[in-house]
Amino acid sequence: MDEPKKYQTDSGQNLLPESFFLDEDVVGHARRLLGKVMVTNIDGHICRARIVETEAYRAPDDQACHAANNRRTPRTEVMFARGGHAYVYLCYGIHHLFNVVTGPEGMAHAVLIRGVEPLDNTAVMLERRQFTQLKPQLTAGPGVLAKAMGITTRLSGVFMPAVDAPVWLEDDGYLLKKNDIRIGTRVGIASAGNDAFRPWRFSISGNRWVSPRLGEGETSW
C-alpha cells in the first residue's frame, strides 16, 4: 500500500491540495489563482505574496505555449506532469519565470504568475531586489516577482503540495467578485499568431501590483 501523502503544515488548512490543480480547464485555473497566496521558503526565509495577475497557456493547440503541439523537451517535460508542479524557466537568459502546472498528467497546461502583492517578510524581498522602499516595481512583473520571492529554475519540478516543498500556494479566504477581475490578452507573444489574441490574461482590477503592459513606458519583467 502506498504511503499516505503528506502536506505542508506551515499554515495548517490554508495549503492548496493536489486536487485543486487537477481540473482540465487551465483558463479557469488562471482565474481561480487570483487572490491565492504564493509562499516560498528559501534559505530559511518564508515570504508570502498575493497573486494578482496570471496568464493561461494550454497545449497542444495554443501556439504561445512552450509545449505547443505537445512538444516535449528537457525544459518542458515538467509541464506534462500532473497538476501541482512548479515550472520555472529562464527568459532572455536573465529572468526566472514561475508557472503553476495544472490538469491531469500529460496535458501540459500551465499558468504563468505575472504579478503578486507582497504580504509577509517584505524586508527580504526588498533586499533581494536591492530596493530601499516598497513600490510596485518590486513584484509587478513575472521576472521581478521571482527574484523578490527567491525563485530560480532550480525549483522547476517541485511538487508544491508535498511536505517540505520550498514553494507552495495557500488560500487565506480572500474573496473576489466577478467584477473584480480584469480580462485581457497575454503579453509578449506576438509570434503566436491568432493565439496572441486569446483573452487569457487575468488580473485584479485596480491593484497597483499588476504588471505594466509592454509599450506603456515600463518593462514587464
Protein backbone atom coordinates (compact mmCIF):
# COMPACT_ATOMS: atom_id res chain seq x y z
CA MET A 1 0.00 0.00 0.00
CA ASP A 2 1.29 3.47 -0.88
CA GLU A 3 2.27 5.76 1.96
CA PRO A 4 -0.32 8.49 2.61
CA LYS A 5 0.57 11.84 1.09
CA LYS A 6 1.97 14.46 3.44
CA TYR A 7 1.29 18.16 3.02
CA GLN A 8 2.77 21.41 4.20
CA THR A 9 1.87 22.26 7.79
CA ASP A 10 3.25 25.80 7.95
CA SER A 11 -0.19 27.34 7.58
CA GLY A 12 -2.44 24.47 8.62
CA GLN A 13 -5.50 24.14 6.41
CA ASN A 14 -4.54 27.00 4.08
CA LEU A 15 -2.44 24.87 1.75
CA LEU A 16 -3.94 24.25 -1.69
CA PRO A 17 -4.18 20.45 -2.01
CA GLU A 18 -3.27 18.39 -5.05
CA SER A 19 -6.93 18.14 -6.05
CA PHE A 20 -7.09 21.91 -6.63
CA PHE A 21 -4.70 21.67 -9.58
CA LEU A 22 -6.15 18.70 -11.48
CA ASP A 23 -9.09 20.29 -13.30
CA GLU A 24 -8.59 20.29 -17.09
CA ASP A 25 -9.66 23.94 -17.52
CA VAL A 26 -6.39 25.90 -17.37
CA VAL A 27 -8.16 29.17 -18.19
CA GLY A 28 -10.39 28.60 -15.18
CA HIS A 29 -7.31 27.89 -13.11
CA ALA A 30 -5.78 31.20 -14.16
CA ARG A 31 -8.88 32.96 -12.82
CA ARG A 32 -9.08 30.89 -9.63
CA LEU A 33 -5.45 31.51 -8.75
CA LEU A 34 -6.14 35.24 -8.44
CA GLY A 35 -6.18 36.13 -4.76
CA LYS A 36 -4.39 32.96 -3.68
CA VAL A 37 -1.17 33.31 -1.69
CA MET A 38 2.22 32.27 -3.06
CA VAL A 39 4.72 31.21 -0.40
CA THR A 40 8.44 30.48 -0.63
CA ASN A 41 10.83 29.11 1.96
CA ILE A 42 14.29 29.91 0.61
CA ASP A 43 17.39 29.85 2.82
CA GLY A 44 15.14 29.88 5.88
CA HIS A 45 13.20 32.98 4.79
CA ILE A 46 9.44 32.46 4.42
CA CYS A 47 7.90 35.10 2.15
CA ARG A 48 4.24 35.47 1.21
CA ALA A 49 2.61 37.41 -1.59
CA ARG A 50 -0.91 37.52 -3.02
CA ILE A 51 -1.33 36.54 -6.67
CA VAL A 52 -2.84 39.49 -8.56
CA GLU A 53 -2.11 38.64 -12.22
CA THR A 54 -1.97 35.41 -14.21
CA GLU A 55 -1.83 34.08 -17.77
CA ALA A 56 -3.05 30.70 -19.04
CA TYR A 57 -1.11 28.52 -21.51
CA ARG A 58 -2.68 25.39 -22.98
CA ALA A 59 -1.11 22.62 -25.03
CA PRO A 60 -1.37 21.33 -27.64
CA ASP A 61 -3.38 23.92 -29.60
CA ASP A 62 -2.05 27.15 -28.06
CA GLN A 63 0.97 28.27 -30.12
CA ALA A 64 2.10 30.57 -27.31
CA CYS A 65 2.56 27.56 -25.02
CA HIS A 66 6.06 26.08 -24.69
CA ALA A 67 4.51 22.65 -25.18
CA ALA A 68 2.51 23.61 -28.29
CA ASN A 69 1.79 20.58 -30.48
CA ASN A 70 2.76 18.51 -27.41
CA ARG A 71 6.42 19.39 -27.95
CA ARG A 72 8.49 17.63 -25.29
CA THR A 73 11.96 18.92 -24.41
CA PRO A 74 14.06 18.68 -21.25
CA ARG A 75 12.71 22.12 -20.29
CA THR A 76 9.03 21.42 -20.95
CA GLU A 77 8.89 17.85 -19.64
CA VAL A 78 7.63 19.03 -16.25
CA MET A 79 4.60 20.60 -17.97
CA PHE A 80 3.39 17.07 -18.75
CA ALA A 81 3.42 16.11 -15.08
CA ARG A 82 0.21 16.15 -13.06
CA GLY A 83 -1.05 19.49 -11.77
CA GLY A 84 0.61 20.99 -8.74
CA HIS A 85 4.19 21.03 -10.03
CA ALA A 86 6.19 24.22 -10.46
CA TYR A 87 7.52 25.05 -13.92
CA VAL A 88 10.27 27.68 -13.83
CA TYR A 89 12.10 28.69 -16.98
CA LEU A 90 14.74 31.23 -17.89
CA CYS A 91 13.63 34.05 -20.19
CA TYR A 92 16.20 36.02 -22.23
CA GLY A 93 18.86 34.20 -20.20
CA ILE A 94 18.12 36.52 -17.26
CA HIS A 95 14.59 36.27 -15.85
CA HIS A 96 13.32 33.24 -13.95
CA LEU A 97 9.56 32.92 -14.62
CA PHE A 98 7.31 30.92 -12.30
CA ASN A 99 4.41 28.83 -13.63
CA VAL A 100 1.91 26.51 -11.99
CA VAL A 101 1.32 23.25 -13.88
CA THR A 102 -2.37 22.31 -13.95
CA GLY A 103 -4.54 19.46 -15.20
CA PRO A 104 -4.09 15.67 -15.27
CA GLU A 105 -0.75 14.12 -16.19
CA GLY A 106 0.03 14.51 -19.89
CA MET A 107 -1.98 17.67 -20.58
CA ALA A 108 0.89 20.21 -20.45
CA HIS A 109 -1.17 23.13 -19.16
CA ALA A 110 0.36 25.90 -17.07
CA VAL A 111 -0.45 29.27 -15.53
CA LEU A 112 2.22 31.98 -15.53
CA ILE A 113 2.19 34.12 -12.39
CA ARG A 114 2.73 37.68 -13.66
CA GLY A 115 2.20 39.85 -10.57
CA VAL A 116 2.00 39.46 -6.78
CA GLU A 117 1.29 41.81 -3.89
CA PRO A 118 3.82 41.42 -1.03
CA LEU A 119 2.32 40.32 2.28
CA ASP A 120 4.94 38.94 4.69
CA ASN A 121 8.71 39.35 5.05
CA THR A 122 8.89 42.26 2.64
CA ALA A 123 12.30 43.23 4.06
CA VAL A 124 13.80 40.10 2.48
CA MET A 125 12.08 40.83 -0.82
CA LEU A 126 13.46 44.36 -0.81
CA GLU A 127 16.97 43.09 -0.11
CA ARG A 128 16.81 40.56 -2.95
CA ARG A 129 15.78 43.31 -5.35
CA GLN A 130 18.17 45.87 -3.83
CA PHE A 131 15.25 48.22 -3.15
CA THR A 132 15.04 50.62 -0.24
CA GLN A 133 11.28 51.19 -0.31
CA LEU A 134 8.14 49.25 -1.08
CA LYS A 135 6.78 50.07 -4.54
CA PRO A 136 5.02 48.16 -7.33
CA GLN A 137 8.21 47.60 -9.32
CA LEU A 138 9.27 45.19 -6.56
CA THR A 139 6.94 42.39 -7.72
CA ALA A 140 4.79 43.76 -10.58
CA GLY A 141 6.09 41.51 -13.35
CA PRO A 142 6.96 37.80 -13.66
CA GLY A 143 10.73 38.19 -13.60
CA VAL A 144 10.93 40.67 -10.74
CA LEU A 145 8.46 38.77 -8.56
CA ALA A 146 10.52 35.60 -8.95
CA LYS A 147 13.65 37.44 -7.85
CA ALA A 148 11.88 39.01 -4.88
CA MET A 149 10.48 35.65 -3.80
CA GLY A 150 13.81 33.83 -4.25
CA ILE A 151 12.61 31.67 -7.14
CA THR A 152 15.05 30.29 -9.71
CA THR A 153 14.98 27.44 -12.23
CA ARG A 154 16.26 25.07 -9.54
CA LEU A 155 12.67 24.99 -8.27
CA SER A 156 11.31 23.72 -11.58
CA GLY A 157 9.74 20.32 -10.99
CA VAL A 158 8.92 20.90 -7.32
CA PHE A 159 5.59 19.33 -6.33
CA MET A 160 4.06 22.14 -4.33
CA PRO A 161 1.53 20.26 -2.16
CA ALA A 162 4.30 17.95 -0.84
CA VAL A 163 5.78 18.24 2.62
CA ASP A 164 8.88 20.46 2.85
CA ALA A 165 8.40 21.96 -0.62
CA PRO A 166 10.31 25.26 -0.95
CA VAL A 167 7.38 26.87 -2.78
CA TRP A 168 3.65 26.33 -2.33
CA LEU A 169 0.25 28.02 -2.65
CA GLU A 170 -2.31 28.86 0.02
CA ASP A 171 -5.93 30.01 0.28
CA ASP A 172 -6.36 32.51 3.13
CA GLY A 173 -10.03 33.13 2.41
CA TYR A 174 -9.55 36.23 0.24
CA LEU A 175 -12.66 36.63 -1.91
CA LEU A 176 -13.04 38.20 -5.34
CA LYS A 177 -16.25 39.18 -7.08
CA LYS A 178 -16.69 38.75 -10.83
CA ASN A 179 -16.39 42.49 -11.34
CA ASP A 180 -13.05 42.49 -9.51
CA ILE A 181 -11.38 40.52 -12.32
CA ARG A 182 -9.97 42.23 -15.38
CA ILE A 183 -9.55 40.14 -18.56
CA GLY A 184 -7.14 40.86 -21.40
CA THR A 185 -4.72 39.36 -23.89
CA ARG A 186 -1.37 37.91 -22.91
CA VAL A 187 1.87 39.87 -23.01
CA GLY A 188 4.88 39.46 -25.31
CA ILE A 189 3.60 36.62 -27.52
CA ALA A 190 3.07 38.37 -30.88
CA SER A 191 4.78 35.46 -32.67
CA ALA A 192 1.92 33.14 -31.64
CA GLY A 193 -0.31 34.39 -34.47
CA ASN A 194 -4.03 34.34 -33.73
CA ASP A 195 -3.34 32.76 -30.33
CA ALA A 196 -1.82 36.07 -29.23
CA PHE A 197 -5.35 37.47 -29.07
CA ARG A 198 -6.80 34.87 -26.71
CA PRO A 199 -8.28 36.65 -23.63
CA TRP A 200 -6.30 34.52 -21.18
CA ARG A 201 -4.67 37.19 -19.02
CA PHE A 202 -6.40 37.86 -15.69
CA SER A 203 -5.71 40.47 -13.05
CA ILE A 204 -7.32 42.05 -10.02
CA SER A 205 -8.85 45.30 -11.22
CA GLY A 206 -7.26 48.41 -9.72
CA ASN A 207 -4.50 46.53 -7.93
CA ARG A 208 -1.26 48.51 -8.16
CA TRP A 209 0.88 45.35 -8.14
CA VAL A 210 -0.34 44.27 -11.59
CA SER A 211 2.48 44.39 -14.13
CA PRO A 212 2.59 47.19 -16.71
CA ARG A 213 1.75 46.35 -20.29
CA LEU A 214 4.55 46.41 -22.84
CA GLY A 215 4.67 49.73 -24.63
CA GLU A 216 3.47 51.78 -21.68
CA GLY A 217 6.87 53.08 -20.74
CA GLU A 218 7.96 50.29 -18.41
CA THR A 219 9.33 46.79 -18.86
CA SER A 220 7.06 43.90 -17.94
CA TRP A 221 9.86 41.93 -16.38
